[in-house]
């Protein structure tokens, strides 16, 4: 173990990424990449972005220190899939 001030730039970057992962997991937002979400929902990758923009899918982004990671929560994928099977659409808003 090293004190924080003694960490190298790479070690600090790794620590920041681990902190982000821990936060995502603690908030229940852990999941797959957008490509994995598209495979799980049986839709195009571009649909994942649209569903995330509309708030139907929960999207977490890490964009620091030259690293870029996007994760779509498993729970939002399950909910969207469930809604699609029940109602024929991704949302359960009740709107037709």
N, C-alpha and C. Protein backbone atom coordinates (compact mmCIF):
# COMPACT_ATOMS: atom_id res chain seq x y z
N UNK A 1 0.85 -1.18 0.00
CA UNK A 1 0.00 0.00 0.00
C UNK A 1 0.89 1.24 0.00
N UNK A 2 0.44 2.21 -0.76
CA UNK A 2 1.15 3.48 -0.85
C UNK A 2 0.22 4.61 -0.43
N UNK A 3 0.77 5.64 0.14
CA UNK A 3 -0.04 6.82 0.40
C UNK A 3 -0.47 7.44 -0.95
N UNK A 4 -1.64 8.04 -0.99
CA UNK A 4 -2.15 8.64 -2.22
C UNK A 4 -1.15 9.58 -2.91
N UNK A 5 -0.47 10.45 -2.17
CA UNK A 5 0.46 11.36 -2.85
C UNK A 5 1.63 10.64 -3.55
N UNK A 6 1.92 9.41 -3.15
CA UNK A 6 3.03 8.66 -3.73
C UNK A 6 2.64 7.80 -4.93
N UNK A 7 1.37 7.81 -5.32
CA UNK A 7 0.94 7.01 -6.46
C UNK A 7 1.45 7.63 -7.77
N UNK A 8 1.82 6.76 -8.70
CA UNK A 8 2.20 7.23 -10.03
C UNK A 8 0.94 7.65 -10.77
N UNK A 9 1.11 8.30 -11.91
CA UNK A 9 -0.04 8.72 -12.71
C UNK A 9 -0.89 7.51 -13.12
N UNK A 10 -0.24 6.44 -13.53
CA UNK A 10 -0.96 5.22 -13.94
C UNK A 10 -1.70 4.62 -12.74
N UNK A 11 -1.04 4.54 -11.60
CA UNK A 11 -1.70 3.99 -10.41
C UNK A 11 -2.89 4.85 -10.00
N UNK A 12 -2.77 6.15 -10.11
CA UNK A 12 -3.88 7.06 -9.76
C UNK A 12 -5.05 6.85 -10.74
N UNK A 13 -4.73 6.67 -12.02
CA UNK A 13 -5.76 6.41 -13.02
C UNK A 13 -6.49 5.10 -12.71
N UNK A 14 -5.75 4.08 -12.36
CA UNK A 14 -6.36 2.80 -12.01
C UNK A 14 -7.24 2.92 -10.78
N UNK A 15 -6.79 3.68 -9.80
CA UNK A 15 -7.57 3.89 -8.59
C UNK A 15 -8.87 4.63 -8.92
N UNK A 16 -8.79 5.67 -9.77
CA UNK A 16 -9.99 6.39 -10.18
C UNK A 16 -10.98 5.47 -10.87
N UNK A 17 -10.48 4.60 -11.74
CA UNK A 17 -11.35 3.66 -12.45
C UNK A 17 -11.99 2.66 -11.48
N UNK A 18 -11.21 2.17 -10.54
CA UNK A 18 -11.76 1.25 -9.53
C UNK A 18 -12.81 1.93 -8.68
N UNK A 19 -12.59 3.19 -8.34
CA UNK A 19 -13.58 3.95 -7.56
C UNK A 19 -14.88 4.10 -8.36
N UNK A 20 -14.77 4.38 -9.66
CA UNK A 20 -15.95 4.50 -10.53
C UNK A 20 -16.70 3.17 -10.57
N UNK A 21 -15.97 2.06 -10.77
CA UNK A 21 -16.60 0.74 -10.82
C UNK A 21 -17.32 0.44 -9.51
N UNK A 22 -16.69 0.74 -8.40
CA UNK A 22 -17.30 0.50 -7.10
C UNK A 22 -18.58 1.31 -6.94
N UNK A 23 -18.55 2.57 -7.36
CA UNK A 23 -19.73 3.43 -7.28
C UNK A 23 -20.86 2.89 -8.15
N UNK A 24 -20.54 2.48 -9.37
CA UNK A 24 -21.55 1.92 -10.29
C UNK A 24 -22.17 0.67 -9.66
N UNK A 25 -21.34 -0.19 -9.10
CA UNK A 25 -21.84 -1.42 -8.49
C UNK A 25 -22.72 -1.11 -7.27
N UNK A 26 -22.26 -0.21 -6.42
CA UNK A 26 -23.01 0.13 -5.20
C UNK A 26 -24.38 0.73 -5.52
N UNK A 27 -24.48 1.48 -6.62
CA UNK A 27 -25.75 2.10 -7.00
C UNK A 27 -26.64 1.16 -7.82
N UNK A 28 -26.20 -0.07 -8.02
CA UNK A 28 -27.00 -1.04 -8.76
C UNK A 28 -27.01 -0.82 -10.25
N UNK A 29 -25.98 -0.14 -10.76
CA UNK A 29 -25.93 0.20 -12.18
C UNK A 29 -24.98 -0.70 -12.97
N UNK A 30 -24.53 -1.77 -12.36
CA UNK A 30 -23.58 -2.66 -13.01
C UNK A 30 -24.25 -3.34 -14.19
N UNK A 31 -23.51 -3.54 -15.28
CA UNK A 31 -24.10 -4.20 -16.43
C UNK A 31 -23.09 -4.46 -17.52
N UNK A 32 -23.57 -4.40 -18.75
CA UNK A 32 -22.77 -4.75 -19.91
C UNK A 32 -22.50 -3.52 -20.77
N UNK A 33 -21.68 -3.72 -21.78
CA UNK A 33 -21.41 -2.66 -22.74
C UNK A 33 -22.66 -2.39 -23.57
N UNK A 34 -22.73 -1.27 -24.27
CA UNK A 34 -23.87 -1.03 -25.14
C UNK A 34 -24.06 -2.13 -26.19
N UNK A 35 -22.96 -2.67 -26.70
CA UNK A 35 -23.06 -3.78 -27.65
C UNK A 35 -23.67 -5.02 -27.02
N UNK A 36 -23.29 -5.29 -25.77
CA UNK A 36 -23.87 -6.41 -25.03
C UNK A 36 -25.35 -6.18 -24.75
N UNK A 37 -25.70 -4.94 -24.47
CA UNK A 37 -27.12 -4.61 -24.25
C UNK A 37 -27.93 -4.80 -25.52
N UNK A 38 -27.36 -4.40 -26.65
CA UNK A 38 -28.05 -4.59 -27.94
C UNK A 38 -28.27 -6.07 -28.20
N UNK A 39 -27.28 -6.89 -27.91
CA UNK A 39 -27.43 -8.33 -28.08
C UNK A 39 -28.49 -8.90 -27.15
N UNK A 40 -28.50 -8.43 -25.92
CA UNK A 40 -29.47 -8.91 -24.94
C UNK A 40 -30.90 -8.52 -25.26
N UNK A 41 -31.06 -7.35 -25.86
CA UNK A 41 -32.41 -6.87 -26.19
C UNK A 41 -32.82 -7.22 -27.62
N UNK A 42 -31.86 -7.69 -28.40
CA UNK A 42 -32.18 -8.06 -29.77
C UNK A 42 -32.49 -6.85 -30.65
N UNK A 43 -31.74 -5.77 -30.46
CA UNK A 43 -31.96 -4.56 -31.25
C UNK A 43 -30.62 -4.05 -31.77
N UNK A 44 -30.67 -3.02 -32.60
CA UNK A 44 -29.44 -2.40 -33.10
C UNK A 44 -28.75 -1.61 -32.00
N UNK A 45 -27.46 -1.44 -32.16
CA UNK A 45 -26.66 -0.69 -31.20
C UNK A 45 -27.16 0.76 -31.09
N UNK A 46 -27.59 1.33 -32.20
CA UNK A 46 -28.07 2.71 -32.17
C UNK A 46 -29.33 2.85 -31.32
N UNK A 47 -30.12 1.79 -31.22
CA UNK A 47 -31.33 1.82 -30.39
C UNK A 47 -30.95 1.94 -28.92
N UNK A 48 -29.83 1.38 -28.52
CA UNK A 48 -29.39 1.47 -27.13
C UNK A 48 -29.16 2.93 -26.76
N UNK A 49 -28.50 3.68 -27.64
CA UNK A 49 -28.27 5.11 -27.38
C UNK A 49 -29.60 5.85 -27.26
N UNK A 50 -30.53 5.55 -28.12
CA UNK A 50 -31.84 6.22 -28.08
C UNK A 50 -32.59 5.88 -26.79
N UNK A 51 -32.55 4.62 -26.39
CA UNK A 51 -33.23 4.21 -25.15
C UNK A 51 -32.57 4.85 -23.93
N UNK A 52 -31.26 4.99 -23.95
CA UNK A 52 -30.55 5.63 -22.83
C UNK A 52 -30.87 7.12 -22.80
N UNK A 53 -30.92 7.77 -23.96
CA UNK A 53 -31.26 9.20 -24.01
C UNK A 53 -32.67 9.45 -23.48
N UNK A 54 -33.59 8.53 -23.73
CA UNK A 54 -34.97 8.67 -23.26
C UNK A 54 -35.14 8.25 -21.81
N UNK A 55 -34.08 7.72 -21.20
CA UNK A 55 -34.15 7.34 -19.79
C UNK A 55 -34.68 5.95 -19.55
N UNK A 56 -34.86 5.18 -20.60
CA UNK A 56 -35.37 3.82 -20.46
C UNK A 56 -34.25 2.89 -20.00
N UNK A 57 -33.05 3.11 -20.50
CA UNK A 57 -31.88 2.34 -20.06
C UNK A 57 -30.99 3.24 -19.22
N UNK A 58 -30.42 2.68 -18.16
CA UNK A 58 -29.51 3.40 -17.28
C UNK A 58 -28.09 3.25 -17.83
N UNK A 59 -27.47 4.37 -18.12
CA UNK A 59 -26.15 4.38 -18.73
C UNK A 59 -25.16 5.06 -17.80
N UNK A 60 -24.03 4.39 -17.56
CA UNK A 60 -22.95 4.96 -16.75
C UNK A 60 -21.74 5.11 -17.66
N UNK A 61 -21.07 6.26 -17.55
CA UNK A 61 -19.93 6.54 -18.42
C UNK A 61 -18.72 6.92 -17.57
N UNK A 62 -17.59 6.32 -17.91
CA UNK A 62 -16.30 6.69 -17.32
C UNK A 62 -15.49 7.31 -18.45
N UNK A 63 -15.11 8.56 -18.32
CA UNK A 63 -14.34 9.26 -19.34
C UNK A 63 -13.29 10.12 -18.65
N UNK A 64 -12.20 9.48 -18.27
CA UNK A 64 -11.12 10.17 -17.56
C UNK A 64 -9.78 9.58 -17.96
N UNK A 65 -8.76 10.37 -17.84
CA UNK A 65 -7.38 9.91 -18.01
C UNK A 65 -7.16 9.18 -19.33
N UNK A 66 -7.92 9.53 -20.36
CA UNK A 66 -7.78 8.87 -21.65
C UNK A 66 -8.52 7.56 -21.78
N UNK A 67 -9.30 7.20 -20.79
CA UNK A 67 -10.08 5.96 -20.84
C UNK A 67 -11.56 6.30 -20.95
N UNK A 68 -12.27 5.52 -21.75
CA UNK A 68 -13.69 5.76 -21.97
C UNK A 68 -14.40 4.40 -21.89
N UNK A 69 -15.28 4.26 -20.91
CA UNK A 69 -16.03 3.01 -20.70
C UNK A 69 -17.50 3.37 -20.51
N UNK A 70 -18.37 2.62 -21.18
CA UNK A 70 -19.81 2.82 -21.04
C UNK A 70 -20.42 1.51 -20.57
N UNK A 71 -21.33 1.61 -19.61
CA UNK A 71 -21.99 0.43 -19.06
C UNK A 71 -23.50 0.70 -19.01
N UNK A 72 -24.28 -0.27 -19.45
CA UNK A 72 -25.74 -0.22 -19.37
C UNK A 72 -26.16 -1.18 -18.27
N UNK A 73 -26.97 -0.70 -17.33
CA UNK A 73 -27.30 -1.53 -16.16
C UNK A 73 -28.12 -2.76 -16.54
N UNK A 74 -27.78 -3.86 -15.88
CA UNK A 74 -28.52 -5.10 -16.09
C UNK A 74 -29.99 -4.95 -15.74
N UNK A 75 -30.26 -4.20 -14.66
CA UNK A 75 -31.66 -4.07 -14.23
C UNK A 75 -32.50 -3.32 -15.26
N UNK A 76 -31.93 -2.31 -15.90
CA UNK A 76 -32.71 -1.58 -16.91
C UNK A 76 -32.90 -2.42 -18.17
N UNK A 77 -31.93 -3.25 -18.49
CA UNK A 77 -32.07 -4.16 -19.63
C UNK A 77 -33.18 -5.17 -19.35
N UNK A 78 -33.17 -5.75 -18.16
CA UNK A 78 -34.23 -6.71 -17.79
C UNK A 78 -35.61 -6.06 -17.86
N UNK A 79 -35.72 -4.84 -17.34
CA UNK A 79 -37.01 -4.13 -17.33
C UNK A 79 -37.47 -3.82 -18.75
N UNK A 80 -36.56 -3.35 -19.60
CA UNK A 80 -36.92 -3.04 -20.98
C UNK A 80 -37.36 -4.30 -21.72
N UNK A 81 -36.64 -5.39 -21.49
CA UNK A 81 -36.98 -6.66 -22.14
C UNK A 81 -38.36 -7.15 -21.67
N UNK A 82 -38.59 -7.04 -20.38
CA UNK A 82 -39.88 -7.44 -19.80
C UNK A 82 -41.01 -6.59 -20.39
N UNK A 83 -40.81 -5.29 -20.49
CA UNK A 83 -41.82 -4.40 -21.06
C UNK A 83 -42.09 -4.73 -22.52
N UNK A 84 -41.04 -5.01 -23.27
CA UNK A 84 -41.19 -5.33 -24.69
C UNK A 84 -42.00 -6.61 -24.87
N UNK A 85 -41.76 -7.60 -24.01
CA UNK A 85 -42.50 -8.86 -24.10
C UNK A 85 -43.97 -8.68 -23.71
N UNK A 86 -44.24 -7.87 -22.68
CA UNK A 86 -45.60 -7.66 -22.19
C UNK A 86 -46.41 -6.72 -23.07
N UNK A 87 -45.80 -5.58 -23.41
CA UNK A 87 -46.53 -4.49 -24.05
C UNK A 87 -46.17 -4.25 -25.51
N UNK A 88 -45.08 -4.87 -25.96
CA UNK A 88 -44.65 -4.66 -27.33
C UNK A 88 -43.83 -3.40 -27.52
N UNK A 89 -43.46 -2.74 -26.41
CA UNK A 89 -42.60 -1.56 -26.47
C UNK A 89 -41.67 -1.55 -25.27
N UNK A 90 -40.64 -0.72 -25.35
CA UNK A 90 -39.57 -0.74 -24.34
C UNK A 90 -39.97 -0.12 -23.02
N UNK A 91 -40.97 0.69 -22.97
CA UNK A 91 -41.32 1.40 -21.75
C UNK A 91 -42.63 0.87 -21.18
N UNK A 92 -42.82 1.05 -19.88
CA UNK A 92 -44.08 0.64 -19.25
C UNK A 92 -44.89 1.85 -18.86
N UNK A 93 -44.77 2.92 -19.63
CA UNK A 93 -45.41 4.19 -19.29
C UNK A 93 -46.92 4.11 -19.34
N UNK A 94 -47.48 3.12 -20.03
CA UNK A 94 -48.93 3.03 -20.17
C UNK A 94 -49.47 3.85 -21.32
N UNK A 95 -48.58 4.63 -21.95
CA UNK A 95 -48.99 5.42 -23.10
C UNK A 95 -49.02 4.54 -24.33
N UNK A 96 -50.00 4.75 -25.18
CA UNK A 96 -50.08 3.96 -26.42
C UNK A 96 -49.67 4.76 -27.62
